[in-house]
């Protein structure tokens, strides 16, 4: 007989694998642009790098359109209220378009000062400004795509976002060489290709949302919109606390030395890549737990949460083993500089050892989101960030070097695990069978 917790494995896999594919495919637009623009020369590539950093900062606050909408829709469906689920998506669409237009206006009007703040040279700033202004026109499309991911995940469908992501990445892949080299538009051609591709993806999502998810127009429900914006506020606080901690960690690494900050960048990219892989389980947690809570199936919600943690630990241990076994190989993929490789080696085991706990943290993030406890999630991240920063500020005075920076990142995960684990596993947890709803 199959253990009750393992009975959900097929459902977890059905949601997790396409979600992993979409997560892996999402960065392809930037990667394809980088591959083609790199052939234009150093100034074009530098301009693209600066613009990519600006867009990443401009959009990080709006991931609530995916993370927040997923559990809200899933819970409404679990309760059998498909009208409310459609209204959540519609309100999210209104917010996505309004916020996208706001981002477009800010980037269009503030392109010059923003590029000055980024320290771009005159030559680089000239190219970066054109790319920035063209791609800024896709801001509403980017947020519609983000909403589309959240809406379909809430409907227990991660395949559709995967297919849409592949489709608009293919459009970008075809248009990039045609416009950059064929039309001779250089960096502007990459911007136009991305603009067309992202609006194509947004258009696909709009058609599919209308046909398969449902939209309920006829005036914005102020109460539901405020509820969505409250979730957005909490997700922004969480994301800002995490981003601030990582930014301070990079600043401290830069203070230690050039080799150390280069090694830190390599470590962070590996950490983020592995986190992206675990996010597939977190997405499954958001969708399944919200649905089971909405259906009143708290035993199933509890069982699937525990099973996701078990799977997270398995994946985390696998990552640990892979990192230990490749300790002498992988750093060479990123650099040939002996000082940088030595600096990477000084933190490699710290990066490896933290993987099982980090995997638990990422899954717990999804579990808490699935249960709708966004306020708790936000302030748990703030507390965790403060603990990590408290260590970071003494790294240089105490001469701890780059390992000290990574001990602080390890502490960030320890405190996150403690706060999120306590919320989930305490006797009064709202996910425990027999305990009243939160």
Protein backbone atom coordinates (compact mmCIF):
# COMPACT_ATOMS: atom_id res chain seq x y z
CA UNK A 1 0.00 0.00 0.00
CA UNK A 2 1.29 3.46 -0.93
CA UNK A 3 2.08 5.75 1.99
CA UNK A 4 -0.42 8.67 2.07
CA UNK A 5 2.37 11.19 1.61
CA UNK A 6 3.82 9.36 -1.40
CA UNK A 7 0.37 9.22 -2.96
CA UNK A 8 0.85 12.87 -3.93
CA UNK A 9 4.12 12.24 -5.79
CA UNK A 10 2.48 11.99 -9.21
CA UNK A 11 0.66 15.28 -8.66
CA UNK A 12 3.86 16.97 -7.41
CA UNK A 13 5.75 15.68 -10.43
CA UNK A 14 3.03 16.78 -12.85
CA UNK A 15 3.27 20.33 -11.48
CA UNK A 16 6.97 20.44 -10.67
CA UNK A 17 8.57 19.24 -13.91
CA UNK A 18 6.86 21.73 -16.28
CA UNK A 19 7.43 24.46 -13.67
CA UNK A 20 11.14 23.58 -13.67
CA UNK A 21 11.14 23.79 -17.47
CA UNK A 22 9.52 27.24 -17.41
CA UNK A 23 11.93 28.45 -14.71
CA UNK A 24 14.88 27.25 -16.80
CA UNK A 25 13.47 28.76 -20.01
CA UNK A 26 12.64 32.17 -18.50
CA UNK A 27 16.24 33.53 -18.49
CA UNK A 28 16.70 32.48 -22.13
CA UNK A 29 15.66 35.88 -23.54
CA UNK A 30 18.59 37.57 -21.79
CA UNK A 31 20.98 34.73 -22.59
CA UNK A 32 20.10 34.77 -26.31
CA UNK A 33 20.43 38.56 -26.41
CA UNK A 34 23.83 38.30 -24.70
CA UNK A 35 25.06 35.66 -27.16
CA UNK A 36 24.21 37.76 -30.23
CA UNK A 37 25.08 41.19 -28.80
CA UNK A 38 28.48 39.88 -27.71
CA UNK A 39 29.42 39.80 -31.41
CA UNK A 40 28.83 43.56 -31.72
CA UNK A 41 31.67 44.57 -29.41
CA UNK A 42 32.54 45.45 -25.83
CA UNK A 43 30.51 48.67 -25.57
CA UNK A 44 27.32 46.97 -26.81
CA UNK A 45 27.78 44.09 -24.39
CA UNK A 46 28.47 46.50 -21.53
CA UNK A 47 25.33 48.46 -22.41
CA UNK A 48 23.28 45.26 -22.40
CA UNK A 49 24.72 44.26 -19.02
CA UNK A 50 23.78 47.61 -17.48
CA UNK A 51 20.27 47.48 -18.97
CA UNK A 52 19.78 43.91 -17.74
CA UNK A 53 20.63 45.02 -14.19
CA UNK A 54 18.18 47.94 -14.45
CA UNK A 55 15.34 45.70 -15.68
CA UNK A 56 16.04 43.11 -12.97
CA UNK A 57 15.76 45.84 -10.32
CA UNK A 58 12.69 47.40 -11.97
CA UNK A 59 10.69 44.16 -12.00
CA UNK A 60 11.75 42.33 -8.83
CA UNK A 61 9.00 44.00 -6.79
CA UNK A 62 6.24 42.70 -9.04
CA UNK A 63 6.78 38.96 -8.66
CA UNK A 64 3.74 39.04 -6.35
CA UNK A 65 1.73 38.82 -9.58
CA UNK A 66 2.91 35.19 -9.71
CA UNK A 67 3.62 34.29 -6.08
CA UNK A 68 0.54 36.04 -4.69
CA UNK A 69 -1.97 35.15 -7.40
CA UNK A 70 -1.12 31.41 -7.38
CA UNK A 71 -2.40 30.59 -3.86
CA UNK A 72 -5.29 33.06 -4.05
CA UNK A 73 -6.59 31.42 -7.23
CA UNK A 74 -5.89 27.87 -6.02
CA UNK A 75 -7.72 28.45 -2.73
CA UNK A 76 -10.74 29.97 -4.50
CA UNK A 77 -10.90 26.96 -6.83
CA UNK A 78 -10.54 24.60 -3.89
CA UNK A 79 -13.55 26.30 -2.29
CA UNK A 80 -15.48 25.87 -5.54
CA UNK A 81 -15.65 29.63 -6.15
CA UNK A 82 -14.52 29.86 -9.77
CA UNK A 83 -16.02 33.36 -10.07
CA UNK A 84 -13.73 34.61 -7.29
CA UNK A 85 -10.76 32.90 -8.94
CA UNK A 86 -11.57 34.71 -12.20
CA UNK A 87 -11.92 38.03 -10.36
CA UNK A 88 -8.52 37.56 -8.72
CA UNK A 89 -6.97 37.03 -12.16
CA UNK A 90 -8.84 40.02 -13.61
CA UNK A 91 -7.76 42.28 -10.75
CA UNK A 92 -4.23 41.01 -11.21
CA UNK A 93 -4.43 41.83 -14.92
CA UNK A 94 -5.56 45.39 -14.16
CA UNK A 95 -2.69 45.76 -11.68
CA UNK A 96 -0.20 44.28 -14.17
CA UNK A 97 -1.18 46.71 -16.93
CA UNK A 98 -1.27 49.74 -14.62
CA UNK A 99 2.07 48.93 -12.97
CA UNK A 100 3.60 48.07 -16.35
CA UNK A 101 2.60 51.46 -17.77
CA UNK A 102 4.07 53.12 -14.67
CA UNK A 103 7.39 51.28 -15.13
CA UNK A 104 7.41 52.25 -18.82
CA UNK A 105 6.89 55.93 -17.96
CA UNK A 106 9.61 55.93 -15.27
CA UNK A 107 12.16 54.24 -17.54
CA UNK A 108 11.32 56.48 -20.51
CA UNK A 109 11.52 59.73 -18.54
CA UNK A 110 14.37 58.71 -16.24
CA UNK A 111 16.62 56.80 -18.67
CA UNK A 112 19.40 59.42 -18.53
CA UNK A 113 19.64 59.83 -14.75
CA UNK A 114 19.26 56.08 -14.19
CA UNK A 115 22.16 55.32 -16.53
CA UNK A 116 24.25 58.03 -14.81
CA UNK A 117 23.61 56.31 -11.48
CA UNK A 118 24.84 53.05 -13.03
CA UNK A 119 28.14 54.75 -13.89
CA UNK A 120 27.92 54.14 -17.64
CA UNK A 121 30.51 55.88 -19.84
CA UNK A 122 29.27 58.23 -22.58
CA UNK A 123 29.75 55.62 -25.31
CA UNK A 124 28.03 52.86 -23.35
CA UNK A 125 25.27 55.18 -22.10
CA UNK A 126 24.38 56.18 -25.65
CA UNK A 127 23.76 52.55 -26.68
CA UNK A 128 22.17 51.61 -23.36
CA UNK A 129 19.69 54.50 -23.55
CA UNK A 130 18.24 53.35 -26.88
CA UNK A 131 17.92 49.74 -25.74
CA UNK A 132 16.41 50.79 -22.40
CA UNK A 133 13.75 53.00 -23.96
CA UNK A 134 12.71 50.37 -26.51
CA UNK A 135 12.51 47.50 -24.04
CA UNK A 136 10.69 49.69 -21.53
CA UNK A 137 7.72 49.53 -23.90
CA UNK A 138 7.45 45.83 -23.02
CA UNK A 139 7.00 46.45 -19.27
CA UNK A 140 3.22 45.80 -19.31
CA UNK A 141 3.86 42.62 -21.33
CA UNK A 142 6.42 41.36 -18.80
CA UNK A 143 3.95 41.84 -15.95
CA UNK A 144 1.11 40.20 -17.92
CA UNK A 145 3.41 37.20 -18.48
CA UNK A 146 4.19 37.13 -14.74
CA UNK A 147 0.47 37.18 -13.95
CA UNK A 148 -0.14 34.42 -16.51
CA UNK A 149 2.32 32.16 -14.70
CA UNK A 150 0.57 32.77 -11.38
CA UNK A 151 -2.95 32.29 -12.77
CA UNK A 152 -2.24 28.97 -14.47
CA UNK A 153 -0.24 27.67 -11.52
CA UNK A 154 -3.28 28.43 -9.36
CA UNK A 155 -5.31 26.27 -11.75
CA UNK A 156 -2.83 23.39 -11.24
CA UNK A 157 -1.49 23.92 -14.75
CA UNK A 158 2.26 24.49 -15.16
CA UNK A 159 2.42 23.08 -18.69
CA UNK A 160 0.74 26.08 -20.34
CA UNK A 161 3.24 28.63 -18.91
CA UNK A 162 6.06 26.32 -20.03
CA UNK A 163 4.76 26.17 -23.61
CA UNK A 164 4.13 29.94 -23.76
CA UNK A 165 7.64 30.62 -22.42
CA UNK A 166 9.16 28.36 -25.07
CA UNK A 167 7.07 30.04 -27.79
CA UNK A 168 8.10 33.61 -27.11
CA UNK A 169 11.73 32.59 -26.54
CA UNK A 170 11.65 31.01 -30.00
CA UNK A 171 10.33 34.28 -31.47
CA UNK A 172 13.21 36.14 -29.82
CA UNK A 173 15.73 33.57 -31.08
CA UNK A 174 14.53 34.00 -34.68
CA UNK A 175 14.24 37.79 -34.61
CA UNK A 176 17.55 38.55 -32.88
CA UNK A 177 19.89 37.72 -35.81
CA UNK A 178 17.42 39.12 -38.36
CA UNK A 179 17.17 42.52 -36.68
CA UNK A 180 20.67 42.81 -35.16
CA UNK A 181 22.65 41.74 -38.23
CA UNK A 182 20.18 41.43 -41.12
CA UNK A 183 18.50 44.81 -40.63
CA UNK A 184 21.71 46.31 -39.24
CA UNK A 185 19.97 47.70 -36.15
CA UNK A 186 22.72 46.43 -33.80
CA UNK A 187 21.77 46.68 -30.10
CA UNK A 188 18.46 48.36 -30.94
CA UNK A 189 17.61 45.27 -33.00
CA UNK A 190 18.00 43.09 -29.90
CA UNK A 191 15.67 45.42 -28.01
CA UNK A 192 13.01 45.32 -30.76
CA UNK A 193 13.27 41.51 -30.96
CA UNK A 194 12.72 41.21 -27.22
CA UNK A 195 9.89 43.76 -27.32
CA UNK A 196 8.05 41.78 -30.02
CA UNK A 197 8.72 38.44 -28.31
CA UNK A 198 7.45 39.58 -24.92
CA UNK A 199 4.30 41.15 -26.33
CA UNK A 200 3.75 37.94 -28.30
CA UNK A 201 4.01 35.99 -25.03
CA UNK A 202 1.67 38.42 -23.28
CA UNK A 203 -0.84 38.11 -26.13
CA UNK A 204 -0.76 34.31 -25.89
CA UNK A 205 -1.37 34.48 -22.15
CA UNK A 206 -4.28 36.90 -22.59
CA UNK A 207 -5.98 34.64 -25.14
CA UNK A 208 -5.43 31.54 -22.99
CA UNK A 209 -6.51 33.29 -19.78
CA UNK A 210 -9.77 34.36 -21.42
CA UNK A 211 -10.48 30.92 -22.89
CA UNK A 212 -9.29 28.56 -20.17
CA UNK A 213 -9.13 30.48 -16.90
CA UNK A 214 -11.80 33.09 -17.32
CA UNK A 215 -11.78 36.84 -16.78
CA UNK A 216 -14.53 38.79 -15.01
CA UNK A 217 -14.63 42.37 -16.22
CA UNK A 218 -17.22 44.87 -15.05
CA UNK A 219 -15.46 47.05 -12.53
CA UNK A 220 -12.58 46.42 -10.18
CA UNK A 221 -13.55 44.84 -6.84
CA UNK A 222 -11.87 47.28 -4.41
CA UNK A 223 -11.78 44.79 -1.53
CA UNK A 224 -10.19 42.04 -3.61
CA UNK A 225 -7.78 44.48 -5.26
CA UNK A 226 -6.68 45.73 -1.83
CA UNK A 227 -6.21 42.12 -0.73
CA UNK A 228 -3.99 41.47 -3.75
CA UNK A 229 -2.01 44.66 -3.10
CA UNK A 230 -1.53 43.67 0.57
CA UNK A 231 -0.06 40.39 -0.66
CA UNK A 232 2.06 42.45 -3.05
CA UNK A 233 3.30 44.61 -0.17
CA UNK A 234 4.33 41.55 1.83
CA UNK A 235 6.06 39.90 -1.14
CA UNK A 236 7.92 43.17 -1.86
CA UNK A 237 9.11 43.36 1.77
CA UNK A 238 10.30 39.75 1.60
CA UNK A 239 12.07 40.22 -1.74
CA UNK A 240 13.61 43.56 -0.73
CA UNK A 241 15.00 42.09 2.50
CA UNK A 242 16.58 39.19 0.59
CA UNK A 243 17.94 41.45 -2.17
CA UNK A 244 19.37 43.91 0.37
CA UNK A 245 21.15 41.10 2.23
CA UNK A 246 22.72 39.74 -0.95
CA UNK A 247 23.69 43.26 -2.07
CA UNK A 248 25.43 43.95 1.26
CA UNK A 249 27.18 40.58 1.02
CA UNK A 250 28.53 41.55 -2.42
CA UNK A 251 29.61 44.95 -1.11
CA UNK A 252 31.54 43.33 1.74
CA UNK A 253 33.18 40.86 -0.67
CA UNK A 254 34.23 43.80 -2.88
CA UNK A 255 35.80 45.48 0.14
CA UNK A 256 37.90 42.38 0.83
CA UNK A 257 39.42 42.31 -2.67
CA UNK A 258 38.91 41.93 -6.41
CA UNK A 259 39.60 38.19 -6.42
CA UNK A 260 37.19 37.70 -3.54
CA UNK A 261 34.31 39.60 -5.15
CA UNK A 262 34.88 37.69 -8.41
CA UNK A 263 34.76 34.40 -6.48
CA UNK A 264 31.68 35.60 -4.61
CA UNK A 265 29.92 36.29 -7.93
CA UNK A 266 30.64 32.72 -9.08
CA UNK A 267 29.32 31.30 -5.81
CA UNK A 268 26.18 33.43 -5.94
CA UNK A 269 25.39 32.39 -9.51
CA UNK A 270 25.67 28.72 -8.52
CA UNK A 271 23.54 29.33 -5.42
CA UNK A 272 20.84 31.07 -7.49
CA UNK A 273 20.91 28.37 -10.17
CA UNK A 274 20.40 25.61 -7.59
CA UNK A 275 17.66 27.64 -5.87
CA UNK A 276 15.90 27.95 -9.22
CA UNK A 277 15.81 24.15 -9.46
CA UNK A 278 14.23 23.79 -6.00
CA UNK A 279 11.69 26.50 -6.85
CA UNK A 280 9.80 23.90 -8.89
CA UNK A 281 8.90 22.17 -5.58
CA UNK A 282 8.03 25.53 -4.02
CA UNK A 283 5.62 26.27 -6.89
CA UNK A 284 3.98 22.88 -6.38
CA UNK A 285 3.64 23.74 -2.68
CA UNK A 286 1.98 27.10 -3.39
CA UNK A 287 -0.58 25.56 -5.73
CA UNK A 288 -1.39 22.25 -4.01
CA UNK A 289 -1.53 23.48 -0.42
CA UNK A 290 -3.76 26.45 -1.28
CA UNK A 291 -6.08 24.14 -3.20
CA UNK A 292 -6.29 21.53 -0.43
CA UNK A 293 -6.88 24.23 2.21
CA UNK A 294 -9.67 25.68 0.03
CA UNK A 295 -11.23 22.21 -0.30
CA UNK A 296 -11.03 21.68 3.46
CA UNK A 297 -8.60 18.74 2.96
CA UNK A 298 -6.19 19.68 5.72
CA UNK A 299 -4.83 16.15 6.05
CA UNK A 300 -3.85 16.23 2.38
CA UNK A 301 -2.40 19.75 2.80
CA UNK A 302 -0.28 18.52 5.73
CA UNK A 303 0.79 15.30 3.99
CA UNK A 304 1.82 17.06 0.77
CA UNK A 305 3.74 19.71 2.75
CA UNK A 306 5.73 17.04 4.59
CA UNK A 307 6.33 15.10 1.39
CA UNK A 308 7.62 18.23 -0.38
CA UNK A 309 10.06 18.80 2.49
CA UNK A 310 11.26 15.21 2.20
CA UNK A 311 11.81 15.63 -1.54
CA UNK A 312 13.55 18.95 -0.90
CA UNK A 313 16.03 17.31 1.47
CA UNK A 314 16.74 14.56 -1.08
CA UNK A 315 17.47 17.14 -3.77
CA UNK A 316 19.52 19.26 -1.36
CA UNK A 317 21.68 16.28 -0.35
CA UNK A 318 22.14 15.43 -4.04
CA UNK A 319 23.36 18.98 -4.68
CA UNK A 320 25.75 18.71 -1.72
CA UNK A 321 27.25 15.50 -3.11
CA UNK A 322 27.59 16.94 -6.62
CA UNK A 323 29.30 20.09 -5.33
CA UNK A 324 31.74 18.11 -3.19
CA UNK A 325 32.61 15.78 -6.07
CA UNK A 326 33.12 18.67 -8.53
CA UNK A 327 35.09 20.89 -6.14
CA UNK A 328 38.22 20.74 -8.27
CA UNK A 329 36.43 20.94 -11.63
CA UNK A 330 33.60 23.52 -11.67
CA UNK A 331 35.56 26.62 -10.55
CA UNK A 332 37.74 26.22 -13.65
CA UNK A 333 34.65 26.66 -15.83
CA UNK A 334 34.37 30.26 -14.63
CA UNK A 335 37.95 31.48 -14.36
CA UNK A 336 41.59 30.63 -15.06
CA UNK A 337 42.90 33.14 -12.53
CA UNK A 338 44.69 31.27 -9.69
CA UNK A 339 43.73 33.87 -7.04
CA UNK A 340 40.04 33.72 -7.97
CA UNK A 341 40.04 29.91 -8.05
CA UNK A 342 41.69 29.86 -4.63
CA UNK A 343 39.04 32.26 -3.29
CA UNK A 344 36.27 30.08 -4.74
CA UNK A 345 37.84 27.05 -3.07
CA UNK A 346 37.79 28.84 0.30
CA UNK A 347 33.96 28.97 0.28
CA UNK A 348 33.09 25.95 -1.86
CA UNK A 349 32.44 23.57 1.04
CA UNK A 350 30.32 26.21 2.80
CA UNK A 351 28.22 26.50 -0.37
CA UNK A 352 27.94 22.70 -0.57
CA UNK A 353 27.09 22.06 3.09
CA UNK A 354 24.29 24.65 3.14
CA UNK A 355 22.38 22.98 0.26
CA UNK A 356 20.13 20.57 2.23
CA UNK A 357 19.04 23.35 4.61
CA UNK A 358 18.66 25.83 1.74
CA UNK A 359 16.42 23.34 -0.08
CA UNK A 360 14.20 23.09 3.01
CA UNK A 361 14.00 26.89 3.16
CA UNK A 362 12.91 27.22 -0.47
CA UNK A 363 10.21 24.58 -0.02
CA UNK A 364 9.04 26.18 3.24
CA UNK A 365 8.74 29.47 1.37
CA UNK A 366 6.26 27.78 -0.99
CA UNK A 367 4.41 26.09 1.87
CA UNK A 368 3.89 29.35 3.77
CA UNK A 369 2.79 31.11 0.57
CA UNK A 370 0.38 28.27 -0.17
CA UNK A 371 -1.15 28.73 3.26
CA UNK A 372 -1.52 32.46 2.56
CA UNK A 373 0.69 33.61 5.47
CA UNK A 374 2.44 36.30 3.43
CA UNK A 375 2.74 38.74 6.33
CA UNK A 376 4.60 36.18 8.43
CA UNK A 377 6.82 35.31 5.46
CA UNK A 378 7.79 38.97 4.99
CA UNK A 379 8.81 39.64 8.56
CA UNK A 380 10.55 36.26 8.90
CA UNK A 381 12.76 37.33 5.98
CA UNK A 382 13.40 40.71 7.60
CA UNK A 383 14.52 39.02 10.84
CA UNK A 384 16.71 36.59 8.87
CA UNK A 385 18.25 39.43 6.87
CA UNK A 386 19.04 41.44 9.99
CA UNK A 387 20.81 38.42 11.52
CA UNK A 388 22.92 37.92 8.38
CA UNK A 389 23.79 41.63 8.08
CA UNK A 390 24.85 41.67 11.75
CA UNK A 391 27.54 39.13 10.79
CA UNK A 392 28.42 40.86 7.52
CA UNK A 393 29.27 44.17 9.23
CA UNK A 394 31.99 42.51 11.33
CA UNK A 395 33.52 40.35 8.58
CA UNK A 396 36.12 42.94 7.51
CA UNK A 397 37.00 44.31 10.99
CA UNK A 398 37.53 40.79 12.32
CA UNK A 399 39.46 39.66 9.24
CA UNK A 400 37.17 36.72 8.43
CA UNK A 401 37.62 37.14 4.68
CA UNK A 402 35.31 35.69 2.05
CA UNK A 403 34.42 32.64 4.20
CA UNK A 404 32.93 35.12 6.70
CA UNK A 405 30.63 36.47 3.98
CA UNK A 406 29.44 32.95 3.26
CA UNK A 407 29.01 32.12 6.95
CA UNK A 408 26.61 35.09 7.01
CA UNK A 409 24.69 33.66 4.03
CA UNK A 410 24.61 30.33 5.85
CA UNK A 411 23.19 32.10 8.93
CA UNK A 412 20.55 33.69 6.71
CA UNK A 413 19.36 30.19 5.79
CA UNK A 414 19.55 28.94 9.37
CA UNK A 415 17.31 31.75 10.67
CA UNK A 416 14.94 31.39 7.71
CA UNK A 417 14.67 27.65 8.39
CA UNK A 418 14.07 28.25 12.10
CA UNK A 419 11.32 30.86 11.57
CA UNK A 420 9.55 29.12 8.68
CA UNK A 421 9.97 25.65 10.23
CA UNK A 422 8.48 26.89 13.50
CA UNK A 423 5.45 28.31 11.68
CA UNK A 424 4.88 25.03 9.83
CA UNK A 425 5.72 22.39 12.45
CA UNK A 426 4.44 23.97 15.67
CA UNK A 427 1.48 22.18 17.29
CA UNK A 428 -0.85 25.09 16.51
CA UNK A 429 0.13 25.21 12.83
CA UNK A 430 -2.90 26.02 10.67
CA UNK A 431 -1.86 23.23 8.30
CA UNK A 432 -2.06 20.50 10.92
CA UNK A 433 -5.19 18.34 10.62
CA UNK A 434 -7.71 19.29 13.24
CA UNK A 435 -6.34 22.79 13.78
CA UNK A 436 -8.58 25.69 12.79
CA UNK A 437 -7.88 27.81 9.74
CA UNK A 438 -5.45 30.67 10.10
